[in-house]
Amino acid sequence: MSMADILTLAVPKGRILKELTPVLSRAGIEPEDAFYDDSSRQLMFATRHPSLRIIRVRSFDVATFTAFGAAQLGIAGSDVIEEFSYPELYAPVDLKIGQCRLSVAVKDEDQAHDNPARWSHIRVATKYPRLTQRHFARRGVQTECIELSGAMELAPVLGLSRRIVDLVSSGATLKANGLTEIEKIMEVSSRLIVSRQAMKTHPQDMQDWINRFQLAAV
């Protein structure tokens, strides 16, 4: 088998792997043991399928690896898919894992007088600048985005911006930092993404994996 015949599946590092593992199993994907070793620095893994390997990358990089052909399939959150909006990708399967929401939050004391319906120009700290600007542009709201990669909850506390846009699950992190969710932008879950180019070059193999993940989705 040549390297051109091997498909690569990009999966995100972090907490989502715990939810993803049984999905991979139901899809018939068994990675090598090192994939489950938290102390391993390995990034590429073989599977029981000679024609499929896995790479483990940052969640935001899954879409980029897949869109530019380094991977043919990937597991990405709908937030990441919307942020990059790569035309080279489509997302045929909602895996129904990693469920949360992308929301706007402010300091608790600002909640009473910060009405989203009255916004005309806002400053927001977020790691989703494109998605955030598109969302508010639909309502005619001009948005200045300060891009951060983490510790978003500190932005209102330290005066960087009054508002943040970030993922919210239970809301416990917001509460612990004195913040309140005031508007939901979108529901988020993890999706199977596929390269449109790979669908042309490996149509049967790609469709087979799509079918497997459709059956594996809970």
N, C-alpha and C. Protein backbone atom coordinates (compact mmCIF):
# COMPACT_ATOMS: atom_id res chain seq x y z
N MET A 1 0.84 -1.20 0.00
CA MET A 1 0.00 0.00 0.00
C MET A 1 0.88 1.25 0.00
N SER A 2 0.61 2.17 -0.92
CA SER A 2 1.39 3.40 -1.00
C SER A 2 0.88 4.43 0.00
N MET A 3 1.71 5.44 0.30
CA MET A 3 1.31 6.50 1.22
C MET A 3 0.09 7.24 0.71
N ALA A 4 -0.07 7.31 -0.60
CA ALA A 4 -1.22 8.01 -1.18
C ALA A 4 -2.54 7.31 -0.86
N ASP A 5 -2.46 6.03 -0.49
CA ASP A 5 -3.68 5.28 -0.17
C ASP A 5 -4.06 5.35 1.31
N ILE A 6 -3.20 5.95 2.12
CA ILE A 6 -3.47 6.03 3.56
C ILE A 6 -4.24 7.31 3.88
N LEU A 7 -5.36 7.16 4.54
CA LEU A 7 -6.16 8.30 4.97
C LEU A 7 -5.76 8.70 6.38
N THR A 8 -5.85 9.99 6.66
CA THR A 8 -5.49 10.52 7.97
C THR A 8 -6.71 11.16 8.61
N LEU A 9 -6.96 10.77 9.85
CA LEU A 9 -8.05 11.32 10.65
C LEU A 9 -7.44 12.24 11.71
N ALA A 10 -7.82 13.52 11.70
CA ALA A 10 -7.33 14.48 12.69
C ALA A 10 -8.33 14.57 13.84
N VAL A 11 -7.84 14.39 15.06
CA VAL A 11 -8.71 14.48 16.23
C VAL A 11 -8.14 15.53 17.19
N PRO A 12 -9.01 16.16 17.99
CA PRO A 12 -8.53 17.21 18.89
C PRO A 12 -7.97 16.66 20.19
N LYS A 13 -6.94 17.33 20.70
CA LYS A 13 -6.43 17.01 22.02
C LYS A 13 -7.43 17.46 23.09
N GLY A 14 -7.19 17.01 24.31
CA GLY A 14 -7.97 17.54 25.43
C GLY A 14 -9.14 16.68 25.85
N ARG A 15 -10.06 17.32 26.59
CA ARG A 15 -11.13 16.60 27.26
C ARG A 15 -12.07 15.87 26.31
N ILE A 16 -12.19 16.36 25.07
CA ILE A 16 -13.14 15.75 24.14
C ILE A 16 -12.74 14.32 23.80
N LEU A 17 -11.46 13.96 23.98
CA LEU A 17 -11.01 12.61 23.65
C LEU A 17 -11.75 11.55 24.47
N LYS A 18 -12.12 11.87 25.70
CA LYS A 18 -12.84 10.90 26.54
C LYS A 18 -14.20 10.58 25.94
N GLU A 19 -14.87 11.60 25.39
CA GLU A 19 -16.16 11.37 24.75
C GLU A 19 -15.99 10.74 23.37
N LEU A 20 -14.89 11.06 22.72
CA LEU A 20 -14.67 10.56 21.36
C LEU A 20 -14.28 9.09 21.32
N THR A 21 -13.58 8.60 22.35
CA THR A 21 -13.07 7.23 22.34
C THR A 21 -14.14 6.18 22.05
N PRO A 22 -15.30 6.19 22.74
CA PRO A 22 -16.32 5.18 22.40
C PRO A 22 -16.90 5.35 21.00
N VAL A 23 -16.92 6.57 20.49
CA VAL A 23 -17.38 6.79 19.12
C VAL A 23 -16.42 6.13 18.13
N LEU A 24 -15.14 6.33 18.35
CA LEU A 24 -14.14 5.68 17.49
C LEU A 24 -14.30 4.17 17.54
N SER A 25 -14.51 3.65 18.74
CA SER A 25 -14.67 2.20 18.89
C SER A 25 -15.88 1.69 18.11
N ARG A 26 -17.00 2.42 18.22
CA ARG A 26 -18.21 1.99 17.49
C ARG A 26 -18.02 2.10 15.98
N ALA A 27 -17.14 3.01 15.55
CA ALA A 27 -16.86 3.14 14.13
C ALA A 27 -15.84 2.12 13.65
N GLY A 28 -15.35 1.28 14.57
CA GLY A 28 -14.41 0.23 14.21
C GLY A 28 -12.97 0.71 14.14
N ILE A 29 -12.67 1.83 14.81
CA ILE A 29 -11.31 2.37 14.80
C ILE A 29 -10.62 2.05 16.12
N GLU A 30 -9.54 1.29 16.04
CA GLU A 30 -8.77 0.92 17.23
C GLU A 30 -7.35 1.47 17.09
N PRO A 31 -7.06 2.59 17.74
CA PRO A 31 -5.70 3.15 17.65
C PRO A 31 -4.71 2.31 18.44
N GLU A 32 -3.44 2.50 18.14
CA GLU A 32 -2.39 1.83 18.91
C GLU A 32 -2.43 2.32 20.36
N ASP A 33 -1.82 1.54 21.26
CA ASP A 33 -1.91 1.82 22.69
C ASP A 33 -1.41 3.21 23.07
N ALA A 34 -0.42 3.72 22.38
CA ALA A 34 0.16 5.02 22.73
C ALA A 34 -0.85 6.15 22.62
N PHE A 35 -1.89 5.96 21.83
CA PHE A 35 -2.93 6.98 21.67
C PHE A 35 -3.60 7.31 23.00
N TYR A 36 -3.69 6.31 23.87
CA TYR A 36 -4.38 6.49 25.16
C TYR A 36 -3.42 6.81 26.30
N ASP A 37 -2.15 6.97 25.99
CA ASP A 37 -1.15 7.27 27.01
C ASP A 37 -1.00 8.78 27.16
N ASP A 38 -1.52 9.32 28.28
CA ASP A 38 -1.50 10.77 28.49
C ASP A 38 -0.09 11.33 28.58
N SER A 39 0.88 10.50 28.92
CA SER A 39 2.25 10.97 29.05
C SER A 39 3.01 10.95 27.72
N SER A 40 2.43 10.33 26.71
CA SER A 40 3.09 10.22 25.41
C SER A 40 3.07 11.55 24.67
N ARG A 41 4.19 11.88 24.04
CA ARG A 41 4.27 13.09 23.22
C ARG A 41 4.08 12.78 21.74
N GLN A 42 3.77 11.56 21.46
CA GLN A 42 3.53 11.14 20.08
C GLN A 42 2.30 11.86 19.53
N LEU A 43 2.34 12.24 18.24
CA LEU A 43 1.24 12.97 17.63
C LEU A 43 0.57 12.20 16.50
N MET A 44 1.22 11.19 15.98
CA MET A 44 0.65 10.38 14.89
C MET A 44 0.59 8.92 15.34
N PHE A 45 -0.55 8.29 15.05
CA PHE A 45 -0.78 6.94 15.57
C PHE A 45 -1.34 6.02 14.49
N ALA A 46 -0.86 4.80 14.50
CA ALA A 46 -1.42 3.78 13.62
C ALA A 46 -2.74 3.28 14.20
N THR A 47 -3.55 2.65 13.36
CA THR A 47 -4.77 1.99 13.82
C THR A 47 -4.78 0.56 13.27
N ARG A 48 -5.79 -0.20 13.67
CA ARG A 48 -5.90 -1.58 13.17
C ARG A 48 -6.20 -1.61 11.67
N HIS A 49 -6.63 -0.46 11.14
CA HIS A 49 -6.86 -0.37 9.70
C HIS A 49 -5.57 0.11 9.03
N PRO A 50 -4.93 -0.70 8.20
CA PRO A 50 -3.67 -0.29 7.56
C PRO A 50 -3.81 0.99 6.73
N SER A 51 -5.04 1.27 6.29
CA SER A 51 -5.25 2.43 5.42
C SER A 51 -5.71 3.67 6.19
N LEU A 52 -5.69 3.63 7.53
CA LEU A 52 -6.12 4.79 8.32
C LEU A 52 -5.14 5.03 9.47
N ARG A 53 -4.72 6.27 9.61
CA ARG A 53 -3.91 6.68 10.76
C ARG A 53 -4.58 7.89 11.41
N ILE A 54 -4.17 8.18 12.63
CA ILE A 54 -4.75 9.29 13.39
C ILE A 54 -3.65 10.28 13.76
N ILE A 55 -3.97 11.57 13.64
CA ILE A 55 -3.09 12.59 14.20
C ILE A 55 -3.86 13.33 15.28
N ARG A 56 -3.16 13.73 16.33
CA ARG A 56 -3.79 14.43 17.46
C ARG A 56 -3.23 15.85 17.51
N VAL A 57 -4.11 16.84 17.32
CA VAL A 57 -3.68 18.24 17.21
C VAL A 57 -4.59 19.13 18.05
N ARG A 58 -4.25 20.40 18.15
CA ARG A 58 -5.11 21.36 18.86
C ARG A 58 -6.49 21.40 18.19
N SER A 59 -7.52 21.61 18.99
CA SER A 59 -8.89 21.59 18.45
C SER A 59 -9.07 22.59 17.31
N PHE A 60 -8.47 23.77 17.42
CA PHE A 60 -8.61 24.78 16.37
C PHE A 60 -7.86 24.41 15.10
N ASP A 61 -6.90 23.48 15.21
CA ASP A 61 -6.08 23.12 14.04
C ASP A 61 -6.67 21.97 13.24
N VAL A 62 -7.65 21.26 13.79
CA VAL A 62 -8.23 20.12 13.07
C VAL A 62 -8.78 20.56 11.72
N ALA A 63 -9.54 21.65 11.72
CA ALA A 63 -10.16 22.11 10.47
C ALA A 63 -9.09 22.52 9.46
N THR A 64 -8.02 23.16 9.93
CA THR A 64 -6.96 23.62 9.02
C THR A 64 -6.20 22.44 8.42
N PHE A 65 -5.85 21.45 9.24
CA PHE A 65 -5.17 20.26 8.71
C PHE A 65 -6.03 19.58 7.64
N THR A 66 -7.33 19.53 7.88
CA THR A 66 -8.22 18.83 6.95
C THR A 66 -8.50 19.65 5.70
N ALA A 67 -8.69 20.95 5.85
CA ALA A 67 -8.97 21.80 4.70
C ALA A 67 -7.81 21.87 3.73
N PHE A 68 -6.58 21.81 4.26
CA PHE A 68 -5.41 21.95 3.40
C PHE A 68 -4.79 20.61 3.00
N GLY A 69 -5.50 19.51 3.27
CA GLY A 69 -5.10 18.23 2.72
C GLY A 69 -4.13 17.41 3.54
N ALA A 70 -3.70 17.90 4.71
CA ALA A 70 -2.82 17.10 5.55
C ALA A 70 -3.59 15.94 6.18
N ALA A 71 -4.89 16.12 6.36
CA ALA A 71 -5.79 15.05 6.81
C ALA A 71 -6.99 15.04 5.87
N GLN A 72 -7.61 13.89 5.76
CA GLN A 72 -8.79 13.77 4.89
C GLN A 72 -10.09 13.77 5.68
N LEU A 73 -9.99 13.41 6.95
CA LEU A 73 -11.15 13.42 7.84
C LEU A 73 -10.73 14.08 9.16
N GLY A 74 -11.70 14.60 9.89
CA GLY A 74 -11.38 15.20 11.18
C GLY A 74 -12.59 15.23 12.09
N ILE A 75 -12.32 15.47 13.35
CA ILE A 75 -13.39 15.66 14.33
C ILE A 75 -13.24 17.08 14.85
N ALA A 76 -14.21 17.92 14.57
CA ALA A 76 -14.12 19.33 14.95
C ALA A 76 -15.44 19.81 15.52
N GLY A 77 -15.35 20.72 16.47
CA GLY A 77 -16.55 21.33 17.01
C GLY A 77 -17.20 22.24 15.98
N SER A 78 -18.51 22.38 16.07
CA SER A 78 -19.21 23.26 15.13
C SER A 78 -18.77 24.71 15.32
N ASP A 79 -18.26 25.06 16.52
CA ASP A 79 -17.71 26.40 16.72
C ASP A 79 -16.49 26.62 15.85
N VAL A 80 -15.60 25.63 15.78
CA VAL A 80 -14.39 25.73 14.96
C VAL A 80 -14.76 25.77 13.48
N ILE A 81 -15.70 24.94 13.09
CA ILE A 81 -16.15 24.91 11.69
C ILE A 81 -16.69 26.27 11.27
N GLU A 82 -17.50 26.88 12.12
CA GLU A 82 -18.08 28.18 11.82
C GLU A 82 -17.02 29.28 11.84
N GLU A 83 -16.06 29.18 12.75
CA GLU A 83 -15.03 30.22 12.85
C GLU A 83 -14.21 30.31 11.57
N PHE A 84 -13.83 29.16 11.00
CA PHE A 84 -12.97 29.18 9.83
C PHE A 84 -13.74 29.16 8.50
N SER A 85 -14.88 28.50 8.48
CA SER A 85 -15.74 28.46 7.28
C SER A 85 -14.96 28.10 6.01
N TYR A 86 -14.12 27.08 6.12
CA TYR A 86 -13.35 26.66 4.96
C TYR A 86 -14.28 26.04 3.90
N PRO A 87 -14.25 26.54 2.66
CA PRO A 87 -15.10 25.95 1.62
C PRO A 87 -14.66 24.54 1.24
N GLU A 88 -13.42 24.18 1.59
CA GLU A 88 -12.89 22.85 1.24
C GLU A 88 -13.47 21.74 2.11
N LEU A 89 -14.24 22.10 3.13
CA LEU A 89 -14.75 21.12 4.08
C LEU A 89 -16.26 21.04 4.04
N TYR A 90 -16.77 19.88 4.38
CA TYR A 90 -18.16 19.82 4.80
C TYR A 90 -18.29 18.85 5.96
N ALA A 91 -19.37 18.99 6.70
CA ALA A 91 -19.54 18.26 7.96
C ALA A 91 -20.80 17.39 7.88
N PRO A 92 -20.66 16.14 7.41
CA PRO A 92 -21.84 15.31 7.16
C PRO A 92 -22.46 14.66 8.38
N VAL A 93 -21.72 14.59 9.51
CA VAL A 93 -22.24 13.83 10.66
C VAL A 93 -22.07 14.63 11.96
N ASP A 94 -23.19 14.82 12.66
CA ASP A 94 -23.16 15.38 14.01
C ASP A 94 -22.96 14.21 14.97
N LEU A 95 -21.82 14.19 15.66
CA LEU A 95 -21.50 13.08 16.55
C LEU A 95 -22.19 13.19 17.92
N LYS A 96 -22.79 14.35 18.19
CA LYS A 96 -23.56 14.57 19.42
C LYS A 96 -22.70 14.40 20.69
N ILE A 97 -21.43 14.76 20.58
CA ILE A 97 -20.55 14.80 21.74
C ILE A 97 -19.96 16.20 21.85
N GLY A 98 -19.33 16.50 22.98
CA GLY A 98 -18.76 17.83 23.16
C GLY A 98 -19.81 18.91 23.15
N GLN A 99 -21.00 18.59 23.63
CA GLN A 99 -22.10 19.55 23.53
C GLN A 99 -21.96 20.68 24.56
N CYS A 100 -22.08 21.89 24.07
CA CYS A 100 -22.04 23.08 24.90
C CYS A 100 -22.65 24.21 24.08
N ARG A 101 -22.36 25.45 24.44
CA ARG A 101 -22.88 26.57 23.68
C ARG A 101 -21.85 27.70 23.65
N LEU A 102 -21.93 28.51 22.62
CA LEU A 102 -21.09 29.70 22.51
C LEU A 102 -21.93 30.89 22.92
N SER A 103 -21.47 31.61 23.93
CA SER A 103 -22.31 32.66 24.51
C SER A 103 -21.53 33.93 24.82
N VAL A 104 -22.29 35.00 25.02
CA VAL A 104 -21.74 36.26 25.48
C VAL A 104 -21.91 36.32 26.99
N ALA A 105 -20.88 36.77 27.69
CA ALA A 105 -20.95 36.90 29.15
C ALA A 105 -20.39 38.25 29.58
N VAL A 106 -20.89 38.75 30.70
CA VAL A 106 -20.45 40.02 31.28
C VAL A 106 -20.26 39.83 32.78
N LYS A 107 -19.71 40.84 33.44
CA LYS A 107 -19.60 40.78 34.89
C LYS A 107 -20.99 40.78 35.51
N ASP A 108 -21.13 40.11 36.64
CA ASP A 108 -22.43 39.98 37.29
C ASP A 108 -23.10 41.34 37.49
N GLU A 109 -22.33 42.33 37.90
CA GLU A 109 -22.92 43.63 38.20
C GLU A 109 -23.36 44.40 36.96
N ASP A 110 -22.89 43.96 35.76
CA ASP A 110 -23.29 44.62 34.51
C ASP A 110 -24.53 44.00 33.89
N GLN A 111 -24.94 42.85 34.40
CA GLN A 111 -26.04 42.10 33.77
C GLN A 111 -27.33 42.92 33.68
N ALA A 112 -27.66 43.65 34.74
CA ALA A 112 -28.96 44.33 34.81
C ALA A 112 -29.11 45.42 33.76
N HIS A 113 -28.00 46.11 33.40
CA HIS A 113 -28.13 47.23 32.48
C HIS A 113 -27.45 47.00 31.13
N ASP A 114 -26.95 45.79 30.88
CA ASP A 114 -26.33 45.49 29.59
C ASP A 114 -27.31 44.69 28.73
N ASN A 115 -28.10 45.41 27.96
CA ASN A 115 -29.17 44.79 27.16
C ASN A 115 -28.68 44.56 25.73
N PRO A 116 -28.54 43.30 25.28
CA PRO A 116 -28.06 43.03 23.93
C PRO A 116 -28.89 43.69 22.84
N ALA A 117 -30.17 43.93 23.07
CA ALA A 117 -31.03 44.54 22.05
C ALA A 117 -30.65 45.99 21.76
N ARG A 118 -29.89 46.61 22.66
CA ARG A 118 -29.53 48.02 22.47
C ARG A 118 -28.11 48.22 21.95
N TRP A 119 -27.40 47.14 21.72
CA TRP A 119 -26.02 47.28 21.31
C TRP A 119 -25.92 47.86 19.90
N SER A 120 -24.98 48.77 19.69
CA SER A 120 -24.68 49.29 18.35
C SER A 120 -23.20 49.13 18.04
N HIS A 121 -22.36 49.27 19.07
CA HIS A 121 -20.92 49.06 18.92
C HIS A 121 -20.41 48.45 20.22
N ILE A 122 -19.75 47.30 20.12
CA ILE A 122 -19.27 46.63 21.33
C ILE A 122 -17.84 46.16 21.14
N ARG A 123 -17.15 46.01 22.26
CA ARG A 123 -15.82 45.40 22.27
C ARG A 123 -15.95 44.06 22.98
N VAL A 124 -15.37 43.01 22.38
CA VAL A 124 -15.50 41.66 22.90
C VAL A 124 -14.15 40.97 22.91
N ALA A 125 -13.83 40.30 24.00
CA ALA A 125 -12.65 39.43 24.04
C ALA A 125 -13.08 38.01 23.70
N THR A 126 -12.39 37.38 22.76
CA THR A 126 -12.81 36.05 22.29
C THR A 126 -11.70 35.39 21.49
N LYS A 127 -11.79 34.08 21.35
CA LYS A 127 -10.92 33.39 20.39
C LYS A 127 -11.70 33.04 19.12
N TYR A 128 -12.89 33.63 18.99
CA TYR A 128 -13.74 33.43 17.80
C TYR A 128 -14.04 34.77 17.13
N PRO A 129 -13.04 35.51 16.67
CA PRO A 129 -13.31 36.85 16.13
C PRO A 129 -14.18 36.85 14.87
N ARG A 130 -13.95 35.91 13.96
CA ARG A 130 -14.72 35.91 12.71
C ARG A 130 -16.17 35.55 12.98
N LEU A 131 -16.37 34.50 13.73
CA LEU A 131 -17.73 34.05 14.06
C LEU A 131 -18.48 35.14 14.81
N THR A 132 -17.81 35.76 15.79
CA THR A 132 -18.44 36.80 16.61
C THR A 132 -18.84 38.00 15.75
N GLN A 133 -17.93 38.46 14.89
CA GLN A 133 -18.24 39.61 14.05
C GLN A 133 -19.37 39.31 13.08
N ARG A 134 -19.38 38.12 12.49
CA ARG A 134 -20.47 37.75 11.58
C ARG A 134 -21.80 37.72 12.30
N HIS A 135 -21.80 37.16 13.51
CA HIS A 135 -23.04 37.04 14.27
C HIS A 135 -23.64 38.41 14.55
N PHE A 136 -22.84 39.33 15.03
CA PHE A 136 -23.38 40.65 15.39
C PHE A 136 -23.61 41.53 14.17
N ALA A 137 -22.87 41.31 13.10
CA ALA A 137 -23.09 42.09 11.87
C ALA A 137 -24.49 41.85 11.32
N ARG A 138 -25.01 40.64 11.52
CA ARG A 138 -26.38 40.35 11.05
C ARG A 138 -27.41 41.24 11.74
N ARG A 139 -27.07 41.75 12.92
CA ARG A 139 -27.96 42.63 13.67
C ARG A 139 -27.55 44.09 13.56
N GLY A 140 -26.56 44.35 12.69
CA GLY A 140 -26.11 45.72 12.52
C GLY A 140 -25.26 46.24 13.65
N VAL A 141 -24.66 45.33 14.44
CA VAL A 141 -23.82 45.73 15.56
C VAL A 141 -22.36 45.68 15.14
N GLN A 142 -21.66 46.79 15.27
CA GLN A 142 -20.24 46.83 14.97
C GLN A 142 -19.48 46.21 16.15
N THR A 143 -18.56 45.33 15.84
CA THR A 143 -17.88 44.58 16.90
C THR A 143 -16.37 44.68 16.76
N GLU A 144 -15.74 45.16 17.81
CA GLU A 144 -14.29 45.16 17.90
C GLU A 144 -13.88 43.94 18.73
N CYS A 145 -13.15 43.03 18.11
CA CYS A 145 -12.77 41.80 18.79
C CYS A 145 -11.31 41.85 19.24
N ILE A 146 -11.10 41.57 20.51
CA ILE A 146 -9.76 41.39 21.05
C ILE A 146 -9.53 39.90 21.13
N GLU A 147 -8.59 39.40 20.35
CA GLU A 147 -8.41 37.95 20.24
C GLU A 147 -7.50 37.43 21.35
N LEU A 148 -8.04 36.51 22.13
CA LEU A 148 -7.30 35.82 23.18
C LEU A 148 -7.38 34.33 22.92
N SER A 149 -6.39 33.57 23.40
CA SER A 149 -6.42 32.13 23.23
C SER A 149 -6.83 31.39 24.50
N GLY A 150 -6.96 32.12 25.60
CA GLY A 150 -7.37 31.49 26.86
C GLY A 150 -7.56 32.54 27.94
N ALA A 151 -7.93 32.06 29.13
CA ALA A 151 -8.16 32.95 30.29
C ALA A 151 -9.11 34.09 29.94
N MET A 152 -10.13 33.75 29.15
CA MET A 152 -11.08 34.75 28.68
C MET A 152 -11.79 35.47 29.82
N GLU A 153 -12.03 34.74 30.91
CA GLU A 153 -12.82 35.29 32.01
C GLU A 153 -12.13 36.47 32.70
N LEU A 154 -10.83 36.61 32.48
CA LEU A 154 -10.10 37.72 33.10
C LEU A 154 -10.34 39.06 32.39
N ALA A 155 -10.76 38.99 31.13
CA ALA A 155 -10.88 40.22 30.34
C ALA A 155 -11.82 41.25 30.98
N PRO A 156 -13.05 40.88 31.39
CA PRO A 156 -13.91 41.87 32.03
C PRO A 156 -13.41 42.29 33.41
N VAL A 157 -12.84 41.36 34.14
CA VAL A 157 -12.37 41.63 35.50
C VAL A 157 -11.24 42.66 35.49
N LEU A 158 -10.36 42.57 34.48
CA LEU A 158 -9.20 43.46 34.41
C LEU A 158 -9.41 44.65 33.47
N GLY A 159 -10.63 44.81 32.95
CA GLY A 159 -10.94 45.98 32.15
C GLY A 159 -10.50 45.91 30.70
N LEU A 160 -10.13 44.74 30.21
CA LEU A 160 -9.73 44.61 28.81
C LEU A 160 -10.93 44.78 27.89
N SER A 161 -12.05 44.20 28.29
CA SER A 161 -13.32 44.39 27.58
C SER A 161 -14.45 44.07 28.55
N ARG A 162 -15.60 44.68 28.34
CA ARG A 162 -16.73 44.44 29.24
C ARG A 162 -17.38 43.09 28.97
N ARG A 163 -17.19 42.58 27.74
CA ARG A 163 -17.89 41.36 27.34
C ARG A 163 -16.91 40.34 26.78
N ILE A 164 -17.26 39.07 26.94
CA ILE A 164 -16.50 38.00 26.31
C ILE A 164 -17.45 37.11 25.51
N VAL A 165 -16.91 36.43 24.52
CA VAL A 165 -17.64 35.37 23.81
C VAL A 165 -16.80 34.11 23.98
N ASP A 166 -17.40 33.09 24.60
CA ASP A 166 -16.65 31.88 24.88
C ASP A 166 -17.60 30.69 25.00
N LEU A 167 -17.02 29.49 25.02
CA LEU A 167 -17.82 28.29 25.20
C LEU A 167 -18.29 28.19 26.64
N VAL A 168 -19.53 27.76 26.80
CA VAL A 168 -20.13 27.58 28.13
C VAL A 168 -20.74 26.19 28.18
N SER A 169 -20.42 25.46 29.23
CA SER A 169 -21.03 24.15 29.44
C SER A 169 -21.96 24.21 30.64
N SER A 170 -21.43 24.06 31.81
CA SER A 170 -22.25 24.14 33.03
C SER A 170 -22.41 25.57 33.52
N GLY A 171 -21.52 26.45 33.12
CA GLY A 171 -21.53 27.82 33.61
C GLY A 171 -20.74 28.01 34.89
N ALA A 172 -20.15 26.93 35.40
CA ALA A 172 -19.42 27.00 36.67
C ALA A 172 -18.20 27.91 36.59
N THR A 173 -17.49 27.88 35.45
CA THR A 173 -16.30 28.73 35.32
C THR A 173 -16.68 30.20 35.31
N LEU A 174 -17.77 30.52 34.61
CA LEU A 174 -18.25 31.91 34.61
C LEU A 174 -18.59 32.35 36.03
N LYS A 175 -19.35 31.52 36.71
CA LYS A 175 -19.78 31.86 38.08
C LYS A 175 -18.60 32.06 39.01
N ALA A 176 -17.59 31.21 38.88
CA ALA A 176 -16.42 31.30 39.74
C ALA A 176 -15.63 32.58 39.52
N ASN A 177 -15.80 33.18 38.35
CA ASN A 177 -15.08 34.41 38.03
C ASN A 177 -15.99 35.64 38.00
N GLY A 178 -17.17 35.51 38.58
CA GLY A 178 -18.07 36.66 38.70
C GLY A 178 -18.69 37.12 37.41
N LEU A 179 -18.93 36.18 36.48
CA LEU A 179 -19.51 36.52 35.19
C LEU A 179 -20.87 35.85 35.00
N THR A 180 -21.69 36.47 34.14
CA THR A 180 -23.03 35.97 33.86
C THR A 180 -23.24 35.87 32.35
N GLU A 181 -23.82 34.78 31.92
CA GLU A 181 -24.15 34.57 30.50
C GLU A 181 -25.39 35.40 30.17
N ILE A 182 -25.30 36.25 29.12
CA ILE A 182 -26.46 37.09 28.79
C ILE A 182 -27.03 36.84 27.40
N GLU A 183 -26.29 36.15 26.54
CA GLU A 183 -26.83 35.85 25.20
C GLU A 183 -26.15 34.62 24.64
N LYS A 184 -26.95 33.71 24.09
CA LYS A 184 -26.40 32.52 23.42
C LYS A 184 -26.25 32.82 21.94
N ILE A 185 -25.08 32.51 21.39
CA ILE A 185 -24.84 32.70 19.96
C ILE A 185 -25.19 31.43 19.18
N MET A 186 -24.74 30.26 19.67
CA MET A 186 -25.02 29.01 18.96
C MET A 186 -24.82 27.82 19.88
N GLU A 187 -25.54 26.74 19.58
CA GLU A 187 -25.28 25.45 20.21
C GLU A 187 -24.08 24.82 19.52
N VAL A 188 -23.28 24.09 20.28
CA VAL A 188 -22.05 23.52 19.75
C VAL A 188 -22.02 22.02 20.01
N SER A 189 -21.56 21.27 19.03
CA SER A 189 -21.28 19.84 19.21
C SER A 189 -20.19 19.45 18.23
N SER A 190 -19.59 18.29 18.43
CA SER A 190 -18.51 17.84 17.56
C SER A 190 -19.07 17.15 16.32
N ARG A 191 -18.44 17.43 15.19
CA ARG A 191 -18.88 16.88 13.91
C ARG A 191 -17.74 16.14 13.22
N LEU A 192 -18.11 15.19 12.38
CA LEU A 192 -17.14 14.61 11.45
C LEU A 192 -17.02 15.58 10.29
N ILE A 193 -15.79 16.02 10.01
CA ILE A 193 -15.57 16.85 8.83
C ILE A 193 -14.76 16.06 7.82
N VAL A 194 -15.00 16.34 6.55
CA VAL A 194 -14.29 15.62 5.49
C VAL A 194 -13.82 16.61 4.44
N SER A 195 -12.72 16.24 3.80
CA SER A 195 -12.16 17.06 2.73
C SER A 195 -12.91 16.78 1.43
N ARG A 196 -13.37 17.86 0.79
CA ARG A 196 -14.07 17.69 -0.49
C ARG A 196 -13.13 17.10 -1.55
N GLN A 197 -11.86 17.48 -1.48
CA GLN A 197 -10.89 16.93 -2.44
C GLN A 197 -10.72 15.43 -2.25
N ALA A 198 -10.68 14.99 -0.99
CA ALA A 198 -10.53 13.56 -0.72
C ALA A 198 -11.76 12.78 -1.18
N MET A 199 -12.91 13.42 -1.14
CA MET A 199 -14.13 12.75 -1.64
C MET A 199 -14.02 12.48 -3.14
N LYS A 200 -13.23 13.30 -3.83
CA LYS A 200 -13.03 13.09 -5.27
C LYS A 200 -11.97 12.02 -5.54
N THR A 201 -10.91 12.03 -4.72
CA THR A 201 -9.80 11.10 -4.98
C THR A 201 -10.00 9.73 -4.34
N HIS A 202 -10.75 9.66 -3.24
CA HIS A 202 -11.01 8.38 -2.55
C HIS A 202 -12.51 8.26 -2.24
N PRO A 203 -13.35 8.33 -3.24
CA PRO A 203 -14.80 8.39 -2.97
C PRO A 203 -15.35 7.22 -2.18
N GLN A 204 -14.94 6.00 -2.51
CA GLN A 204 -15.49 4.83 -1.83
C GLN A 204 -15.02 4.75 -0.39
N ASP A 205 -13.73 4.95 -0.17
CA ASP A 205 -13.18 4.89 1.19
C ASP A 205 -13.79 5.99 2.07
N MET A 206 -13.89 7.17 1.52
CA MET A 206 -14.44 8.29 2.31
C MET A 206 -15.90 8.03 2.66
N GLN A 207 -16.67 7.55 1.71
CA GLN A 207 -18.08 7.29 1.98
C GLN A 207 -18.23 6.17 3.01
N ASP A 208 -17.33 5.21 2.96
CA ASP A 208 -17.37 4.13 3.94
C ASP A 208 -17.17 4.67 5.36
N TRP A 209 -16.21 5.59 5.53
CA TRP A 209 -15.97 6.16 6.86
C TRP A 209 -17.12 7.07 7.30
N ILE A 210 -17.69 7.78 6.37
CA ILE A 210 -18.87 8.60 6.71
C ILE A 210 -19.99 7.69 7.22
N ASN A 211 -20.23 6.59 6.51
CA ASN A 211 -21.27 5.65 6.94
C ASN A 211 -20.98 5.07 8.33
N ARG A 212 -19.72 4.74 8.57
CA ARG A 212 -19.34 4.19 9.88
C ARG A 212 -19.61 5.19 11.00
N PHE A 213 -19.26 6.46 10.77
CA PHE A 213 -19.47 7.47 11.82
C PHE A 213 -20.95 7.79 11.99
N GLN A 214 -21.71 7.71 10.91
CA GLN A 214 -23.15 7.90 11.06
C GLN A 214 -23.76 6.84 11.97
N LEU A 215 -23.32 5.61 11.83
CA LEU A 215 -23.81 4.53 12.68
C LEU A 215 -23.28 4.66 14.10
N ALA A 216 -22.08 5.24 14.23
CA ALA A 216 -21.45 5.35 15.56
C ALA A 216 -21.98 6.52 16.37
N ALA A 217 -22.58 7.50 15.71
CA ALA A 217 -23.09 8.69 16.42
C ALA A 217 -24.22 8.29 17.35
N VAL A 218 -24.20 8.80 18.56
CA VAL A 218 -25.22 8.43 19.54
C VAL A 218 -26.45 9.31 19.39
